[in-house]
Amino acid sequence: MAELTLESDFQRVNAFHTQGEEIYWGFEGLEPPISETIVNEYVRVSGYIAVRNIDSYAGYKDWFIQDFRRPGFTVELGRGVNPLPIDQFQSIYQRSLGIMLANLYL
């Protein structure tokens, strides 16, 4: 992923993980101001909770924000213990689809 990112000109990144129904979007105050606008739209279309800062320093999103000073997000899909129950699939799909579609107009 790092090599692909270095070879590309990504304007933002979205790292999808499971569990928590939260969207992490900040890192050490290095995220650009537009990140807040983007995450607010992600929240609107997904119903997930935006979390600016957490005590984590090893994620792809963190590295991207730090090195490129562009928006990066970790989206924690679903809730529960991994593997998440299959009955969450439709809800996860709908919520993540909203986030993906938002990237087309943001």
PDB file of N, CA and C in Angstrom:
ATOM      1  N   MET A   1       0.819  -1.178   0.000  1.00  0.00           N
ATOM      2  CA  MET A   1       0.000   0.000   0.000  1.00  0.00           C
ATOM      3  C   MET A   1       0.868   1.249   0.000  1.00  0.00           C
ATOM      4  N   ALA A   2       1.948   1.221   0.765  1.00  0.00           N
ATOM      5  CA  ALA A   2       2.828   2.386   0.809  1.00  0.00           C
ATOM      6  C   ALA A   2       3.439   2.649  -0.561  1.00  0.00           C
ATOM      7  N   GLU A   3       3.885   1.602  -1.215  1.00  0.00           N
ATOM      8  CA  GLU A   3       4.487   1.772  -2.543  1.00  0.00           C
ATOM      9  C   GLU A   3       3.468   2.333  -3.534  1.00  0.00           C
ATOM     10  N   LEU A   4       2.272   1.799  -3.540  1.00  0.00           N
ATOM     11  CA  LEU A   4       1.221   2.305  -4.423  1.00  0.00           C
ATOM     12  C   LEU A   4       0.930   3.771  -4.111  1.00  0.00           C
ATOM     13  N   THR A   5       0.877   4.110  -2.865  1.00  0.00           N
ATOM     14  CA  THR A   5       0.608   5.489  -2.463  1.00  0.00           C
ATOM     15  C   THR A   5       1.725   6.414  -2.927  1.00  0.00           C
ATOM     16  N   LEU A   6       2.964   5.989  -2.767  1.00  0.00           N
ATOM     17  CA  LEU A   6       4.098   6.797  -3.204  1.00  0.00           C
ATOM     18  C   LEU A   6       4.120   6.990  -4.712  1.00  0.00           C
ATOM     19  N   GLU A   7       3.626   6.001  -5.458  1.00  0.00           N
ATOM     20  CA  GLU A   7       3.599   6.076  -6.917  1.00  0.00           C
ATOM     21  C   GLU A   7       2.387   6.828  -7.456  1.00  0.00           C
ATOM     22  N   SER A   8       1.426   7.094  -6.607  1.00  0.00           N
ATOM     23  CA  SER A   8       0.160   7.696  -7.029  1.00  0.00           C
ATOM     24  C   SER A   8       0.044   9.113  -6.479  1.00  0.00           C
ATOM     25  N   ASP A   9      -0.987   9.778  -6.907  1.00  0.00           N
ATOM     26  CA  ASP A   9      -1.237  11.133  -6.443  1.00  0.00           C
ATOM     27  C   ASP A   9      -2.605  11.178  -5.774  1.00  0.00           C
ATOM     28  N   PHE A  10      -2.798  10.325  -4.752  1.00  0.00           N
ATOM     29  CA  PHE A  10      -4.083  10.267  -4.068  1.00  0.00           C
ATOM     30  C   PHE A  10      -4.392  11.604  -3.415  1.00  0.00           C
ATOM     31  N   GLN A  11      -5.608  12.067  -3.598  1.00  0.00           N
ATOM     32  CA  GLN A  11      -6.046  13.306  -2.970  1.00  0.00           C
ATOM     33  C   GLN A  11      -6.519  13.069  -1.543  1.00  0.00           C
ATOM     34  N   ARG A  12      -6.964  11.832  -1.271  1.00  0.00           N
ATOM     35  CA  ARG A  12      -7.347  11.417   0.085  1.00  0.00           C
ATOM     36  C   ARG A  12      -7.315   9.902   0.111  1.00  0.00           C
ATOM     37  N   VAL A  13      -7.293   9.349   1.329  1.00  0.00           N
ATOM     38  CA  VAL A  13      -7.372   7.904   1.482  1.00  0.00           C
ATOM     39  C   VAL A  13      -8.444   7.555   2.503  1.00  0.00           C
ATOM     40  N   ASN A  14      -9.065   6.406   2.282  1.00  0.00           N
ATOM     41  CA  ASN A  14     -10.035   5.830   3.198  1.00  0.00           C
ATOM     42  C   ASN A  14      -9.587   4.406   3.494  1.00  0.00           C
ATOM     43  N   ALA A  15      -9.255   4.139   4.740  1.00  0.00           N
ATOM     44  CA  ALA A  15      -8.879   2.793   5.158  1.00  0.00           C
ATOM     45  C   ALA A  15     -10.089   2.192   5.878  1.00  0.00           C
ATOM     46  N   PHE A  16     -10.604   1.097   5.356  1.00  0.00           N
ATOM     47  CA  PHE A  16     -11.780   0.455   5.942  1.00  0.00           C
ATOM     48  C   PHE A  16     -11.344  -0.694   6.840  1.00  0.00           C
ATOM     49  N   HIS A  17     -11.789  -0.640   8.069  1.00  0.00           N
ATOM     50  CA  HIS A  17     -11.535  -1.671   9.082  1.00  0.00           C
ATOM     51  C   HIS A  17     -12.880  -2.110   9.641  1.00  0.00           C
ATOM     52  N   THR A  18     -12.864  -3.098  10.500  1.00  0.00           N
ATOM     53  CA  THR A  18     -14.071  -3.427  11.253  1.00  0.00           C
ATOM     54  C   THR A  18     -13.728  -3.409  12.713  1.00  0.00           C
ATOM     55  N   GLN A  19     -14.314  -2.797  13.396  1.00  0.00           N
ATOM     56  CA  GLN A  19     -15.480  -2.608  14.209  1.00  0.00           C
ATOM     57  C   GLN A  19     -15.463  -1.305  14.964  1.00  0.00           C
ATOM     58  N   GLY A  20     -16.647  -0.780  15.206  1.00  0.00           N
ATOM     59  CA  GLY A  20     -16.756   0.402  16.031  1.00  0.00           C
ATOM     60  C   GLY A  20     -17.707   1.487  15.548  1.00  0.00           C
ATOM     61  N   GLU A  21     -18.057   1.482  14.268  1.00  0.00           N
ATOM     62  CA  GLU A  21     -18.952   2.498  13.703  1.00  0.00           C
ATOM     63  C   GLU A  21     -18.444   3.908  13.999  1.00  0.00           C
ATOM     64  N   GLU A  22     -17.136   4.098  13.805  1.00  0.00           N
ATOM     65  CA  GLU A  22     -16.500   5.390  13.985  1.00  0.00           C
ATOM     66  C   GLU A  22     -15.628   5.703  12.783  1.00  0.00           C
ATOM     67  N   ILE A  23     -15.363   6.993  12.600  1.00  0.00           N
ATOM     68  CA  ILE A  23     -14.479   7.442  11.522  1.00  0.00           C
ATOM     69  C   ILE A  23     -13.380   8.287  12.162  1.00  0.00           C
ATOM     70  N   TYR A  24     -12.154   7.800  12.093  1.00  0.00           N
ATOM     71  CA  TYR A  24     -11.002   8.521  12.622  1.00  0.00           C
ATOM     72  C   TYR A  24     -10.436   9.380  11.498  1.00  0.00           C
ATOM     73  N   TRP A  25     -10.193  10.665  11.814  1.00  0.00           N
ATOM     74  CA  TRP A  25      -9.818  11.564  10.724  1.00  0.00           C
ATOM     75  C   TRP A  25      -8.669  12.524  11.011  1.00  0.00           C
ATOM     76  N   GLY A  26      -8.158  12.565  12.202  1.00  0.00           N
ATOM     77  CA  GLY A  26      -7.072  13.481  12.507  1.00  0.00           C
ATOM     78  C   GLY A  26      -5.796  12.747  12.855  1.00  0.00           C
ATOM     79  N   PHE A  27      -4.698  13.476  12.796  1.00  0.00           N
ATOM     80  CA  PHE A  27      -3.427  12.920  13.256  1.00  0.00           C
ATOM     81  C   PHE A  27      -2.487  14.063  13.627  1.00  0.00           C
ATOM     82  N   GLU A  28      -2.254  14.220  14.939  1.00  0.00           N
ATOM     83  CA  GLU A  28      -1.282  15.181  15.454  1.00  0.00           C
ATOM     84  C   GLU A  28      -1.535  16.616  14.967  1.00  0.00           C
ATOM     85  N   GLY A  29      -2.753  16.932  14.557  1.00  0.00           N
ATOM     86  CA  GLY A  29      -3.060  18.264  14.055  1.00  0.00           C
ATOM     87  C   GLY A  29      -2.515  18.545  12.672  1.00  0.00           C
ATOM     88  N   LEU A  30      -2.051  17.493  11.984  1.00  0.00           N
ATOM     89  CA  LEU A  30      -1.442  17.658  10.661  1.00  0.00           C
ATOM     90  C   LEU A  30      -2.444  17.563   9.514  1.00  0.00           C
ATOM     91  N   GLU A  31      -3.664  17.166   9.835  1.00  0.00           N
ATOM     92  CA  GLU A  31      -4.679  17.024   8.789  1.00  0.00           C
ATOM     93  C   GLU A  31      -5.080  18.412   8.265  1.00  0.00           C
ATOM     94  N   PRO A  32      -5.341  18.533   6.961  1.00  0.00           N
ATOM     95  CA  PRO A  32      -5.753  19.829   6.420  1.00  0.00           C
ATOM     96  C   PRO A  32      -7.170  20.183   6.868  1.00  0.00           C
ATOM     97  N   PRO A  33      -7.513  21.469   6.874  1.00  0.00           N
ATOM     98  CA  PRO A  33      -8.839  21.901   7.323  1.00  0.00           C
ATOM     99  C   PRO A  33     -10.003  21.233   6.577  1.00  0.00           C
ATOM    100  N   ILE A  34      -9.836  20.904   5.315  1.00  0.00           N
ATOM    101  CA  ILE A  34     -10.912  20.279   4.529  1.00  0.00           C
ATOM    102  C   ILE A  34     -11.307  18.922   5.096  1.00  0.00           C
ATOM    103  N   SER A  35     -10.431  18.307   5.871  1.00  0.00           N
ATOM    104  CA  SER A  35     -10.739  16.999   6.463  1.00  0.00           C
ATOM    105  C   SER A  35     -12.001  17.042   7.307  1.00  0.00           C
ATOM    106  N   GLU A  36     -12.201  18.121   8.025  1.00  0.00           N
ATOM    107  CA  GLU A  36     -13.388  18.229   8.870  1.00  0.00           C
ATOM    108  C   GLU A  36     -14.665  18.302   8.030  1.00  0.00           C
ATOM    109  N   THR A  37     -14.619  19.021   6.929  1.00  0.00           N
ATOM    110  CA  THR A  37     -15.769  19.095   6.023  1.00  0.00           C
ATOM    111  C   THR A  37     -16.088  17.716   5.462  1.00  0.00           C
ATOM    112  N   ILE A  38     -15.055  16.998   5.050  1.00  0.00           N
ATOM    113  CA  ILE A  38     -15.243  15.661   4.473  1.00  0.00           C
ATOM    114  C   ILE A  38     -15.811  14.713   5.516  1.00  0.00           C
ATOM    115  N   VAL A  39     -15.231  14.681   6.709  1.00  0.00           N
ATOM    116  CA  VAL A  39     -15.711  13.736   7.720  1.00  0.00           C
ATOM    117  C   VAL A  39     -17.143  14.066   8.129  1.00  0.00           C
ATOM    118  N   ASN A  40     -17.504  15.339   8.163  1.00  0.00           N
ATOM    119  CA  ASN A  40     -18.883  15.688   8.492  1.00  0.00           C
ATOM    120  C   ASN A  40     -19.858  15.142   7.455  1.00  0.00           C
ATOM    121  N   GLU A  41     -19.464  15.117   6.205  1.00  0.00           N
ATOM    122  CA  GLU A  41     -20.323  14.526   5.177  1.00  0.00           C
ATOM    123  C   GLU A  41     -20.362  13.004   5.323  1.00  0.00           C
ATOM    124  N   TYR A  42     -19.237  12.389   5.614  1.00  0.00           N
ATOM    125  CA  TYR A  42     -19.212  10.945   5.863  1.00  0.00           C
ATOM    126  C   TYR A  42     -20.156  10.581   7.011  1.00  0.00           C
ATOM    127  N   VAL A  43     -20.136  11.385   8.060  1.00  0.00           N
ATOM    128  CA  VAL A  43     -21.024  11.154   9.208  1.00  0.00           C
ATOM    129  C   VAL A  43     -22.478  11.281   8.777  1.00  0.00           C
ATOM    130  N   ARG A  44     -22.765  12.306   8.005  1.00  0.00           N
ATOM    131  CA  ARG A  44     -24.147  12.533   7.559  1.00  0.00           C
ATOM    132  C   ARG A  44     -24.687  11.348   6.763  1.00  0.00           C
ATOM    133  N   VAL A  45     -23.874  10.803   5.871  1.00  0.00           N
ATOM    134  CA  VAL A  45     -24.362   9.730   5.001  1.00  0.00           C
ATOM    135  C   VAL A  45     -24.261   8.346   5.626  1.00  0.00           C
ATOM    136  N   SER A  46     -23.455   8.194   6.674  1.00  0.00           N
ATOM    137  CA  SER A  46     -23.259   6.864   7.264  1.00  0.00           C
ATOM    138  C   SER A  46     -23.900   6.696   8.638  1.00  0.00           C
ATOM    139  N   GLY A  47     -24.022   7.772   9.365  1.00  0.00           N
ATOM    140  CA  GLY A  47     -24.499   7.678  10.741  1.00  0.00           C
ATOM    141  C   GLY A  47     -23.406   7.293  11.721  1.00  0.00           C
ATOM    142  N   TYR A  48     -22.179   7.140  11.248  1.00  0.00           N
ATOM    143  CA  TYR A  48     -21.069   6.818  12.131  1.00  0.00           C
ATOM    144  C   TYR A  48     -20.647   8.064  12.908  1.00  0.00           C
ATOM    145  N   ILE A  49     -19.806   7.881  13.907  1.00  0.00           N
ATOM    146  CA  ILE A  49     -19.331   8.959  14.759  1.00  0.00           C
ATOM    147  C   ILE A  49     -17.934   9.379  14.314  1.00  0.00           C
ATOM    148  N   ALA A  50     -17.721  10.687  14.193  1.00  0.00           N
ATOM    149  CA  ALA A  50     -16.394  11.213  13.847  1.00  0.00           C
ATOM    150  C   ALA A  50     -15.549  11.334  15.106  1.00  0.00           C
ATOM    151  N   VAL A  51     -14.315  10.845  15.018  1.00  0.00           N
ATOM    152  CA  VAL A  51     -13.359  10.946  16.125  1.00  0.00           C
ATOM    153  C   VAL A  51     -12.079  11.542  15.547  1.00  0.00           C
ATOM    154  N   ARG A  52     -11.737  12.729  16.020  1.00  0.00           N
ATOM    155  CA  ARG A  52     -10.570  13.401  15.450  1.00  0.00           C
ATOM    156  C   ARG A  52      -9.262  12.752  15.873  1.00  0.00           C
ATOM    157  N   ASN A  53      -9.075  12.548  17.147  1.00  0.00           N
ATOM    158  CA  ASN A  53      -7.794  12.036  17.642  1.00  0.00           C
ATOM    159  C   ASN A  53      -7.984  10.839  18.559  1.00  0.00           C
ATOM    160  N   ILE A  54      -7.121   9.861  18.386  1.00  0.00           N
ATOM    161  CA  ILE A  54      -7.046   8.710  19.277  1.00  0.00           C
ATOM    162  C   ILE A  54      -5.571   8.443  19.553  1.00  0.00           C
ATOM    163  N   ASP A  55      -5.298   7.645  20.557  1.00  0.00           N
ATOM    164  CA  ASP A  55      -3.910   7.296  20.869  1.00  0.00           C
ATOM    165  C   ASP A  55      -3.451   6.138  19.992  1.00  0.00           C
ATOM    166  N   SER A  56      -3.211   6.474  18.723  1.00  0.00           N
ATOM    167  CA  SER A  56      -2.752   5.484  17.756  1.00  0.00           C
ATOM    168  C   SER A  56      -1.792   6.183  16.808  1.00  0.00           C
ATOM    169  N   TYR A  57      -0.671   5.541  16.531  1.00  0.00           N
ATOM    170  CA  TYR A  57       0.344   6.193  15.709  1.00  0.00           C
ATOM    171  C   TYR A  57       0.941   5.264  14.658  1.00  0.00           C
ATOM    172  N   ALA A  58       0.200   4.252  14.274  1.00  0.00           N
ATOM    173  CA  ALA A  58       0.815   3.277  13.375  1.00  0.00           C
ATOM    174  C   ALA A  58      -0.031   2.970  12.151  1.00  0.00           C
ATOM    175  N   GLY A  59      -1.095   3.717  11.930  1.00  0.00           N
ATOM    176  CA  GLY A  59      -2.001   3.378  10.841  1.00  0.00           C
ATOM    177  C   GLY A  59      -1.621   4.013   9.513  1.00  0.00           C
ATOM    178  N   TYR A  60      -2.175   3.433   8.467  1.00  0.00           N
ATOM    179  CA  TYR A  60      -1.980   3.938   7.109  1.00  0.00           C
ATOM    180  C   TYR A  60      -2.451   5.375   7.000  1.00  0.00           C
ATOM    181  N   LYS A  61      -3.622   5.662   7.552  1.00  0.00           N
ATOM    182  CA  LYS A  61      -4.178   7.007   7.525  1.00  0.00           C
ATOM    183  C   LYS A  61      -3.241   7.994   8.206  1.00  0.00           C
ATOM    184  N   ASP A  62      -2.672   7.608   9.335  1.00  0.00           N
ATOM    185  CA  ASP A  62      -1.749   8.485  10.059  1.00  0.00           C
ATOM    186  C   ASP A  62      -0.523   8.807   9.205  1.00  0.00           C
ATOM    187  N   TRP A  63       0.047   7.797   8.608  1.00  0.00           N
ATOM    188  CA  TRP A  63       1.220   7.979   7.748  1.00  0.00           C
ATOM    189  C   TRP A  63       0.883   8.877   6.565  1.00  0.00           C
ATOM    190  N   PHE A  64      -0.280   8.650   5.955  1.00  0.00           N
ATOM    191  CA  PHE A  64      -0.675   9.449   4.800  1.00  0.00           C
ATOM    192  C   PHE A  64      -0.823  10.923   5.186  1.00  0.00           C
ATOM    193  N   ILE A  65      -1.520  11.186   6.275  1.00  0.00           N
ATOM    194  CA  ILE A  65      -1.688  12.571   6.725  1.00  0.00           C
ATOM    195  C   ILE A  65      -0.329  13.194   7.033  1.00  0.00           C
ATOM    196  N   GLN A  66       0.503  12.469   7.752  1.00  0.00           N
ATOM    197  CA  GLN A  66       1.810  12.987   8.151  1.00  0.00           C
ATOM    198  C   GLN A  66       2.696  13.313   6.954  1.00  0.00           C
ATOM    199  N   ASP A  67       2.777  12.401   6.000  1.00  0.00           N
ATOM    200  CA  ASP A  67       3.718  12.575   4.896  1.00  0.00           C
ATOM    201  C   ASP A  67       3.179  13.402   3.741  1.00  0.00           C
ATOM    202  N   PHE A  68       1.858  13.400   3.544  1.00  0.00           N
ATOM    203  CA  PHE A  68       1.294  14.090   2.385  1.00  0.00           C
ATOM    204  C   PHE A  68       0.480  15.329   2.754  1.00  0.00           C
ATOM    205  N   ARG A  69       0.132  15.467   4.044  1.00  0.00           N
ATOM    206  CA  ARG A  69      -0.686  16.588   4.517  1.00  0.00           C
ATOM    207  C   ARG A  69      -1.991  16.701   3.736  1.00  0.00           C
ATOM    208  N   ARG A  70      -2.562  15.544   3.447  1.00  0.00           N
ATOM    209  CA  ARG A  70      -3.845  15.450   2.760  1.00  0.00           C
ATOM    210  C   ARG A  70      -4.820  14.681   3.648  1.00  0.00           C
ATOM    211  N   PRO A  71      -6.121  14.753   3.357  1.00  0.00           N
ATOM    212  CA  PRO A  71      -7.105  14.065   4.189  1.00  0.00           C
ATOM    213  C   PRO A  71      -6.950  12.547   4.160  1.00  0.00           C
ATOM    214  N   GLY A  72      -7.028  11.966   5.336  1.00  0.00           N
ATOM    215  CA  GLY A  72      -7.001  10.517   5.477  1.00  0.00           C
ATOM    216  C   GLY A  72      -8.002  10.100   6.547  1.00  0.00           C
ATOM    217  N   PHE A  73      -8.635   8.943   6.326  1.00  0.00           N
ATOM    218  CA  PHE A  73      -9.706   8.487   7.210  1.00  0.00           C
ATOM    219  C   PHE A  73      -9.595   6.992   7.438  1.00  0.00           C
ATOM    220  N   THR A  74      -9.851   6.578   8.670  1.00  0.00           N
ATOM    221  CA  THR A  74     -10.033   5.161   8.966  1.00  0.00           C
ATOM    222  C   THR A  74     -11.488   4.993   9.351  1.00  0.00           C
ATOM    223  N   VAL A  75     -12.195   4.181   8.582  1.00  0.00           N
ATOM    224  CA  VAL A  75     -13.620   3.946   8.804  1.00  0.00           C
ATOM    225  C   VAL A  75     -13.764   2.579   9.444  1.00  0.00           C
ATOM    226  N   GLU A  76     -14.292   2.568  10.655  1.00  0.00           N
ATOM    227  CA  GLU A  76     -14.510   1.322  11.393  1.00  0.00           C
ATOM    228  C   GLU A  76     -15.951   0.868  11.154  1.00  0.00           C
ATOM    229  N   LEU A  77     -16.104  -0.131  10.320  1.00  0.00           N
ATOM    230  CA  LEU A  77     -17.420  -0.624   9.906  1.00  0.00           C
ATOM    231  C   LEU A  77     -17.996  -1.591  10.934  1.00  0.00           C
ATOM    232  N   GLY A  78     -19.293  -1.506  11.164  1.00  0.00           N
ATOM    233  CA  GLY A  78     -19.987  -2.479  12.002  1.00  0.00           C
ATOM    234  C   GLY A  78     -19.642  -2.373  13.474  1.00  0.00           C
ATOM    235  N   ARG A  79     -20.253  -3.274  14.235  1.00  0.00           N
ATOM    236  CA  ARG A  79     -20.061  -3.276  15.683  1.00  0.00           C
ATOM    237  C   ARG A  79     -20.105  -4.716  16.177  1.00  0.00           C
ATOM    238  N   GLY A  80     -19.240  -5.022  17.133  1.00  0.00           N
ATOM    239  CA  GLY A  80     -19.229  -6.352  17.709  1.00  0.00           C
ATOM    240  C   GLY A  80     -17.849  -6.968  17.674  1.00  0.00           C
ATOM    241  N   VAL A  81     -17.815  -8.271  17.793  1.00  0.00           N
ATOM    242  CA  VAL A  81     -16.564  -9.024  17.824  1.00  0.00           C
ATOM    243  C   VAL A  81     -16.308  -9.606  16.435  1.00  0.00           C
ATOM    244  N   ASN A  82     -15.075  -9.466  15.966  1.00  0.00           N
ATOM    245  CA  ASN A  82     -14.717 -10.040  14.662  1.00  0.00           C
ATOM    246  C   ASN A  82     -14.615 -11.556  14.748  1.00  0.00           C
ATOM    247  N   PRO A  83     -15.029 -12.265  13.718  1.00  0.00           N
ATOM    248  CA  PRO A  83     -15.676 -11.710  12.532  1.00  0.00           C
ATOM    249  C   PRO A  83     -17.085 -11.222  12.864  1.00  0.00           C
ATOM    250  N   LEU A  84     -17.447 -10.089  12.258  1.00  0.00           N
ATOM    251  CA  LEU A  84     -18.769  -9.526  12.502  1.00  0.00           C
ATOM    252  C   LEU A  84     -19.844 -10.456  11.960  1.00  0.00           C
ATOM    253  N   PRO A  85     -20.996 -10.460  12.587  1.00  0.00           N
ATOM    254  CA  PRO A  85     -22.085 -11.334  12.128  1.00  0.00           C
ATOM    255  C   PRO A  85     -22.559 -10.940  10.733  1.00  0.00           C
ATOM    256  N   ILE A  86     -22.882 -11.915   9.936  1.00  0.00           N
ATOM    257  CA  ILE A  86     -23.318 -11.689   8.557  1.00  0.00           C
ATOM    258  C   ILE A  86     -24.593 -10.861   8.497  1.00  0.00           C
ATOM    259  N   ASP A  87     -25.391 -10.872   9.546  1.00  0.00           N
ATOM    260  CA  ASP A  87     -26.629 -10.097   9.508  1.00  0.00           C
ATOM    261  C   ASP A  87     -26.363  -8.587   9.534  1.00  0.00           C
ATOM    262  N   GLN A  88     -25.124  -8.165   9.745  1.00  0.00           N
ATOM    263  CA  GLN A  88     -24.771  -6.744   9.659  1.00  0.00           C
ATOM    264  C   GLN A  88     -24.400  -6.320   8.243  1.00  0.00           C
ATOM    265  N   PHE A  89     -24.317  -7.274   7.345  1.00  0.00           N
ATOM    266  CA  PHE A  89     -23.815  -6.976   6.005  1.00  0.00           C
ATOM    267  C   PHE A  89     -24.588  -5.856   5.314  1.00  0.00           C
ATOM    268  N   GLN A  90     -25.896  -5.930   5.280  1.00  0.00           N
ATOM    269  CA  GLN A  90     -26.682  -4.916   4.565  1.00  0.00           C
ATOM    270  C   GLN A  90     -26.478  -3.529   5.156  1.00  0.00           C
ATOM    271  N   SER A  91     -26.474  -3.423   6.459  1.00  0.00           N
ATOM    272  CA  SER A  91     -26.263  -2.139   7.109  1.00  0.00           C
ATOM    273  C   SER A  91     -24.863  -1.595   6.808  1.00  0.00           C
ATOM    274  N   ILE A  92     -23.869  -2.447   6.932  1.00  0.00           N
ATOM    275  CA  ILE A  92     -22.495  -2.033   6.634  1.00  0.00           C
ATOM    276  C   ILE A  92     -22.380  -1.607   5.182  1.00  0.00           C
ATOM    277  N   TYR A  93     -22.981  -2.358   4.293  1.00  0.00           N
ATOM    278  CA  TYR A  93     -22.926  -2.029   2.866  1.00  0.00           C
ATOM    279  C   TYR A  93     -23.545  -0.661   2.609  1.00  0.00           C
ATOM    280  N   GLN A  94     -24.725  -0.414   3.129  1.00  0.00           N
ATOM    281  CA  GLN A  94     -25.414   0.851   2.895  1.00  0.00           C
ATOM    282  C   GLN A  94     -24.616   2.029   3.454  1.00  0.00           C
ATOM    283  N   ARG A  95     -24.103   1.875   4.646  1.00  0.00           N
ATOM    284  CA  ARG A  95     -23.355   2.969   5.267  1.00  0.00           C
ATOM    285  C   ARG A  95     -22.046   3.245   4.536  1.00  0.00           C
ATOM    286  N   SER A  96     -21.345   2.203   4.147  1.00  0.00           N
ATOM    287  CA  SER A  96     -20.081   2.411   3.441  1.00  0.00           C
ATOM    288  C   SER A  96     -20.321   2.887   2.013  1.00  0.00           C
ATOM    289  N   LEU A  97     -21.424   2.483   1.399  1.00  0.00           N
ATOM    290  CA  LEU A  97     -21.767   2.976   0.065  1.00  0.00           C
ATOM    291  C   LEU A  97     -21.953   4.490   0.101  1.00  0.00           C
ATOM    292  N   GLY A  98     -22.615   4.990   1.128  1.00  0.00           N
ATOM    293  CA  GLY A  98     -22.787   6.427   1.264  1.00  0.00           C
ATOM    294  C   GLY A  98     -21.439   7.149   1.325  1.00  0.00           C
ATOM    295  N   ILE A  99     -20.504   6.586   2.045  1.00  0.00           N
ATOM    296  CA  ILE A  99     -19.165   7.180   2.140  1.00  0.00           C
ATOM    297  C   ILE A  99     -18.467   7.150   0.777  1.00  0.00           C
ATOM    298  N   MET A 100     -18.542   6.020   0.111  1.00  0.00           N
ATOM    299  CA  MET A 100     -17.892   5.910  -1.204  1.00  0.00           C
ATOM    300  C   MET A 100     -18.497   6.877  -2.210  1.00  0.00           C
ATOM    301  N   LEU A 101     -19.822   6.989  -2.214  1.00  0.00           N
ATOM    302  CA  LEU A 101     -20.479   7.911  -3.144  1.00  0.00           C
ATOM    303  C   LEU A 101     -20.143   9.368  -2.801  1.00  0.00           C
ATOM    304  N   ALA A 102     -20.018   9.670  -1.525  1.00  0.00           N
ATOM    305  CA  ALA A 102     -19.650  11.036  -1.129  1.00  0.00           C
ATOM    306  C   ALA A 102     -18.323  11.456  -1.736  1.00  0.00           C
ATOM    307  N   ASN A 103     -17.420  10.499  -1.940  1.00  0.00           N
ATOM    308  CA  ASN A 103     -16.127  10.829  -2.551  1.00  0.00           C
ATOM    309  C   ASN A 103     -16.263  11.298  -3.987  1.00  0.00           C
ATOM    310  N   LEU A 104     -17.375  10.998  -4.620  1.00  0.00           N
ATOM    311  CA  LEU A 104     -17.572  11.438  -6.003  1.00  0.00           C
ATOM    312  C   LEU A 104     -17.942  12.909  -6.099  1.00  0.00           C
ATOM    313  N   TYR A 105     -18.516  13.469  -5.049  1.00  0.00           N
ATOM    314  CA  TYR A 105     -18.934  14.863  -5.122  1.00  0.00           C
ATOM    315  C   TYR A 105     -18.182  15.785  -4.150  1.00  0.00           C
ATOM    316  N   LEU A 106     -17.314  15.237  -3.346  1.00  0.00           N
ATOM    317  CA  LEU A 106     -16.545  16.077  -2.418  1.00  0.00           C
ATOM    318  C   LEU A 106     -15.248  16.561  -3.062  1.00  0.00           C
TER     319      LEU A 106
END
